[in-house]
């Protein structure tokens, strides 16, 4: 064999060996498993382990705190309907309500406006409607259907007198009622019917029933400031309920 032929054969052998090596290397690379970076989803397990991803969620206040929550069992009392409200604060000392509710209906008797108060006062109002108002009204005018609310929560001094102590209204512990609404469209007005009226006895009876249910019970003839409405609050007095 000539020298030229030998060189040509050697070159072919070198190329063949190199190609074979490349194919083996390529097969070994393809045989290796591929590892992908885990993808984090917003609701996945890994995201729950990431405190920074969820930080904004945790910092948002609960809707139960920021929004009124309607209930037909307000303050845990069946028949007391309305909403749980966020705490009420005030720049005026002693005004505000830590755990207020807005009462709209009491044992089937609607209020002419939602009345803001605390649960102790709401419970007293519920007790008065059931044991004082309904028995006093009976079937007159088809029965009681509503209470005309003259005042509820408001930050003000007693009897609106400058320099006086903060009223129980400013603490969410008081409600004023000016009339009892009846099913036939008529009403028992505290101002008009307290004296010399067919409704006088019913109004006076339900007012007496409030004494002890509330801490303070005021009405016509009490102090000249309550001739046109009943004032009820849940203030505590050293000598027991104050009733006039």
Protein backbone atom coordinates (compact mmCIF):
# COMPACT_ATOMS: atom_id res chain seq x y z
CA UNK A 1 0.00 0.00 0.00
CA UNK A 2 1.34 3.40 -0.91
CA UNK A 3 2.19 6.02 1.66
CA UNK A 4 -0.58 8.27 0.37
CA UNK A 5 -3.20 5.56 0.78
CA UNK A 6 -2.04 4.88 4.35
CA UNK A 7 -2.43 8.55 5.30
CA UNK A 8 -5.93 8.68 3.80
CA UNK A 9 -7.01 5.60 5.76
CA UNK A 10 -5.69 7.06 9.01
CA UNK A 11 -7.64 10.28 8.48
CA UNK A 12 -10.88 8.32 7.96
CA UNK A 13 -10.31 6.37 11.18
CA UNK A 14 -9.71 9.57 13.23
CA UNK A 15 -12.92 11.19 11.91
CA UNK A 16 -14.97 8.07 12.65
CA UNK A 17 -13.71 7.87 16.24
CA UNK A 18 -14.49 11.56 16.84
CA UNK A 19 -18.06 11.25 15.55
CA UNK A 20 -18.64 8.18 17.69
CA UNK A 21 -17.44 10.06 20.76
CA UNK A 22 -19.75 13.00 20.00
CA UNK A 23 -22.75 10.69 19.66
CA UNK A 24 -21.99 9.01 23.02
CA UNK A 25 -21.66 12.40 24.67
CA UNK A 26 -24.91 13.58 23.14
CA UNK A 27 -26.74 10.46 24.35
CA UNK A 28 -25.42 10.92 27.88
CA UNK A 29 -26.61 14.54 27.94
CA UNK A 30 -30.05 13.58 26.75
CA UNK A 31 -30.21 10.86 29.38
CA UNK A 32 -29.71 13.34 32.24
CA UNK A 33 -33.01 14.41 33.93
CA UNK A 34 -34.02 18.03 33.50
CA UNK A 35 -34.77 20.05 36.68
CA UNK A 36 -37.10 23.03 36.30
CA UNK A 37 -37.36 25.87 38.80
CA UNK A 38 -40.61 25.57 40.82
CA UNK A 39 -43.33 28.00 39.78
CA UNK A 40 -45.02 29.87 42.64
CA UNK A 41 -48.74 30.39 42.35
CA UNK A 42 -50.62 32.89 44.54
CA UNK A 43 -52.58 30.15 46.25
CA UNK A 44 -49.92 27.46 46.29
CA UNK A 45 -48.01 25.96 49.18
CA UNK A 46 -44.80 27.82 48.38
CA UNK A 47 -46.58 31.15 48.33
CA UNK A 48 -47.96 30.49 51.79
CA UNK A 49 -44.41 30.03 52.98
CA UNK A 50 -43.42 33.42 51.58
CA UNK A 51 -44.17 36.04 54.26
CA UNK A 52 -43.49 38.95 51.93
CA UNK A 53 -45.91 37.83 49.24
CA UNK A 54 -48.74 37.67 51.77
CA UNK A 55 -47.75 40.72 53.78
CA UNK A 56 -50.24 43.04 52.07
CA UNK A 57 -53.09 40.58 52.69
CA UNK A 58 -52.33 40.31 56.38
CA UNK A 59 -52.16 44.06 56.76
CA UNK A 60 -55.69 44.61 55.42
CA UNK A 61 -58.27 44.98 58.22
CA UNK A 62 -61.09 42.47 58.44
CA UNK A 63 -64.43 43.34 56.81
CA UNK A 64 -66.07 42.40 60.11
CA UNK A 65 -64.35 45.42 61.62
CA UNK A 66 -64.64 47.94 58.78
CA UNK A 67 -68.16 47.20 57.51
CA UNK A 68 -71.52 46.90 59.28
CA UNK A 69 -72.61 43.30 59.79
CA UNK A 70 -76.38 42.77 59.53
CA UNK A 71 -77.98 40.44 62.03
CA UNK A 72 -81.46 39.28 63.02
CA UNK A 73 -80.04 38.17 66.37
CA UNK A 74 -78.21 41.34 67.38
CA UNK A 75 -76.31 41.13 70.67
CA UNK A 76 -77.30 37.45 70.76
CA UNK A 77 -80.99 38.33 71.26
CA UNK A 78 -83.60 36.72 69.04
CA UNK A 79 -85.82 39.35 67.39
CA UNK A 80 -83.34 42.19 67.84
CA UNK A 81 -82.43 43.22 64.30
CA UNK A 82 -79.84 45.63 62.93
CA UNK A 83 -76.10 45.85 62.34
CA UNK A 84 -72.90 45.52 64.30
CA UNK A 85 -70.83 48.68 63.77
CA UNK A 86 -67.13 49.52 64.07
CA UNK A 87 -66.10 51.27 67.30
CA UNK A 88 -67.12 54.95 67.51
CA UNK A 89 -64.42 57.30 68.74
CA UNK A 90 -64.53 61.00 69.49
CA UNK A 91 -62.13 63.83 70.25
CA UNK A 92 -64.52 64.80 73.05
CA UNK A 93 -63.66 63.06 76.31
CA UNK A 94 -66.19 60.43 77.41
CA UNK A 95 -67.97 60.36 74.03
CA UNK A 96 -67.89 57.27 71.86
CA UNK A 97 -69.01 53.63 71.89
CA UNK A 98 -66.56 50.73 72.09
CA UNK A 99 -68.91 48.09 70.68
CA UNK A 100 -71.88 49.85 69.02
CA UNK A 101 -74.84 48.37 67.21
CA UNK A 102 -77.52 50.02 65.08
CA UNK A 103 -80.96 48.72 66.08
CA UNK A 104 -83.66 48.75 63.37
CA UNK A 105 -86.33 46.41 64.72
CA UNK A 106 -87.21 45.09 68.16
CA UNK A 107 -89.37 41.98 68.53
CA UNK A 108 -91.18 42.81 65.28
CA UNK A 109 -91.54 46.52 66.14
CA UNK A 110 -89.63 48.75 63.70
CA UNK A 111 -87.79 51.92 64.67
CA UNK A 112 -88.40 55.02 62.53
CA UNK A 113 -84.63 55.40 62.27
CA UNK A 114 -81.74 53.08 63.03
CA UNK A 115 -80.71 53.80 66.62
CA UNK A 116 -77.05 53.47 67.63
CA UNK A 117 -76.35 52.19 71.14
CA UNK A 118 -74.42 49.52 73.01
CA UNK A 119 -75.70 46.00 73.56
CA UNK A 120 -76.74 46.57 77.19
CA UNK A 121 -79.05 49.39 76.08
CA UNK A 122 -80.32 47.38 73.10
CA UNK A 123 -81.18 44.51 75.44
CA UNK A 124 -83.05 46.88 77.79
CA UNK A 125 -85.00 48.30 74.84
CA UNK A 126 -85.92 44.79 73.71
CA UNK A 127 -87.12 43.92 77.22
CA UNK A 128 -89.19 47.13 77.45
CA UNK A 129 -90.92 46.53 74.10
CA UNK A 130 -91.84 42.97 75.04
CA UNK A 131 -92.86 43.53 78.66
CA UNK A 132 -93.88 47.18 78.68
CA UNK A 133 -95.03 48.49 75.29
CA UNK A 134 -96.84 45.49 73.84
CA UNK A 135 -98.90 44.65 76.97
CA UNK A 136 -99.81 48.35 77.45
CA UNK A 137 -100.96 48.81 73.84
CA UNK A 138 -102.66 45.46 73.48
CA UNK A 139 -104.96 45.44 70.44
CA UNK A 140 -105.51 49.17 70.38
CA UNK A 141 -105.26 50.41 66.80
CA UNK A 142 -104.42 46.90 65.67
CA UNK A 143 -101.36 46.69 67.93
CA UNK A 144 -97.97 48.37 68.03
CA UNK A 145 -95.90 48.37 64.84
CA UNK A 146 -93.25 51.02 65.45
CA UNK A 147 -91.41 53.40 67.76
CA UNK A 148 -90.74 56.99 66.75
CA UNK A 149 -87.11 57.61 67.70
CA UNK A 150 -86.43 61.22 68.69
CA UNK A 151 -82.73 60.74 69.52
CA UNK A 152 -80.09 58.05 69.99
CA UNK A 153 -76.27 58.35 69.86
CA UNK A 154 -75.01 61.93 69.73
CA UNK A 155 -72.02 63.49 71.46
CA UNK A 156 -73.50 66.35 73.49
CA UNK A 157 -73.82 67.60 77.09
CA UNK A 158 -76.85 66.77 79.22
CA UNK A 159 -79.96 68.66 78.18
CA UNK A 160 -77.77 70.51 75.63
CA UNK A 161 -76.44 72.75 78.40
CA UNK A 162 -72.93 74.11 77.86
CA UNK A 163 -70.53 72.97 80.55
CA UNK A 164 -72.74 70.08 81.69
CA UNK A 165 -71.52 66.50 81.86
CA UNK A 166 -71.64 64.39 78.72
CA UNK A 167 -75.10 62.91 78.19
CA UNK A 168 -75.61 59.14 78.18
CA UNK A 169 -76.51 59.70 74.51
CA UNK A 170 -72.83 60.49 73.96
CA UNK A 171 -71.88 57.07 75.33
CA UNK A 172 -74.38 55.10 73.26
CA UNK A 173 -76.39 54.28 76.37
CA UNK A 174 -79.61 56.21 75.73
CA UNK A 175 -82.63 56.42 73.44
CA UNK A 176 -85.53 58.89 73.25
CA UNK A 177 -89.00 57.79 72.10
CA UNK A 178 -91.62 60.38 71.13
CA UNK A 179 -94.49 58.18 69.90
CA UNK A 180 -95.81 54.64 69.55
CA UNK A 181 -96.97 53.77 66.00
CA UNK A 182 -100.05 51.58 65.54
CA UNK A 183 -101.12 49.21 62.80
CA UNK A 184 -104.11 51.36 61.73
CA UNK A 185 -101.79 54.30 60.92
CA UNK A 186 -102.49 56.24 64.12
CA UNK A 187 -100.03 56.84 66.92
CA UNK A 188 -99.75 57.42 70.64
CA UNK A 189 -97.89 60.73 70.98
CA UNK A 190 -96.08 61.47 74.24
CA UNK A 191 -96.64 65.21 73.79
CA UNK A 192 -100.29 65.05 72.74
CA UNK A 193 -101.61 61.98 74.54
CA UNK A 194 -99.89 61.92 77.94
CA UNK A 195 -102.75 63.88 79.54
CA UNK A 196 -106.51 63.55 78.96
CA UNK A 197 -106.40 61.14 76.04
CA UNK A 198 -107.70 57.67 75.32
CA UNK A 199 -104.03 56.69 75.09
CA UNK A 200 -102.95 58.28 78.38
CA UNK A 201 -103.26 55.13 80.47
CA UNK A 202 -101.30 53.02 77.95
CA UNK A 203 -98.47 55.57 77.72
CA UNK A 204 -98.22 55.94 81.48
CA UNK A 205 -98.28 52.18 81.97
CA UNK A 206 -95.47 51.50 79.50
CA UNK A 207 -93.44 54.36 80.98
CA UNK A 208 -93.71 52.86 84.47
CA UNK A 209 -92.62 49.50 83.04
CA UNK A 210 -89.36 51.09 81.89
CA UNK A 211 -88.34 51.86 85.48
CA UNK A 212 -85.78 49.25 86.49
CA UNK A 213 -85.46 47.94 82.96
CA UNK A 214 -83.43 51.12 82.33
CA UNK A 215 -81.24 52.92 84.84
CA UNK A 216 -82.86 56.28 84.09
CA UNK A 217 -86.50 56.78 83.07
CA UNK A 218 -87.70 60.32 82.30
CA UNK A 219 -90.90 61.62 80.73
CA UNK A 220 -93.51 64.38 80.97
CA UNK A 221 -93.41 66.14 84.33
CA UNK A 222 -89.90 64.93 85.21
CA UNK A 223 -87.78 68.06 84.75
CA UNK A 224 -89.40 70.20 82.07
CA UNK A 225 -87.03 68.87 79.40
CA UNK A 226 -88.93 65.70 78.53
CA UNK A 227 -92.51 66.84 77.91
CA UNK A 228 -92.58 65.47 74.37
CA UNK A 229 -90.63 62.22 74.70
CA UNK A 230 -89.49 59.39 76.95
CA UNK A 231 -85.80 59.35 77.78
CA UNK A 232 -84.33 55.98 78.69
CA UNK A 233 -80.71 55.16 79.47
CA UNK A 234 -78.69 52.45 81.16
CA UNK A 235 -76.65 54.65 83.50
CA UNK A 236 -75.97 53.09 86.90
CA UNK A 237 -77.02 55.10 89.98
CA UNK A 238 -75.86 54.52 93.52
CA UNK A 239 -79.39 54.39 94.91
CA UNK A 240 -80.86 52.24 92.15
CA UNK A 241 -82.95 53.24 89.11
CA UNK A 242 -83.85 56.91 88.75
CA UNK A 243 -87.46 57.16 87.52
CA UNK A 244 -89.50 60.34 86.97
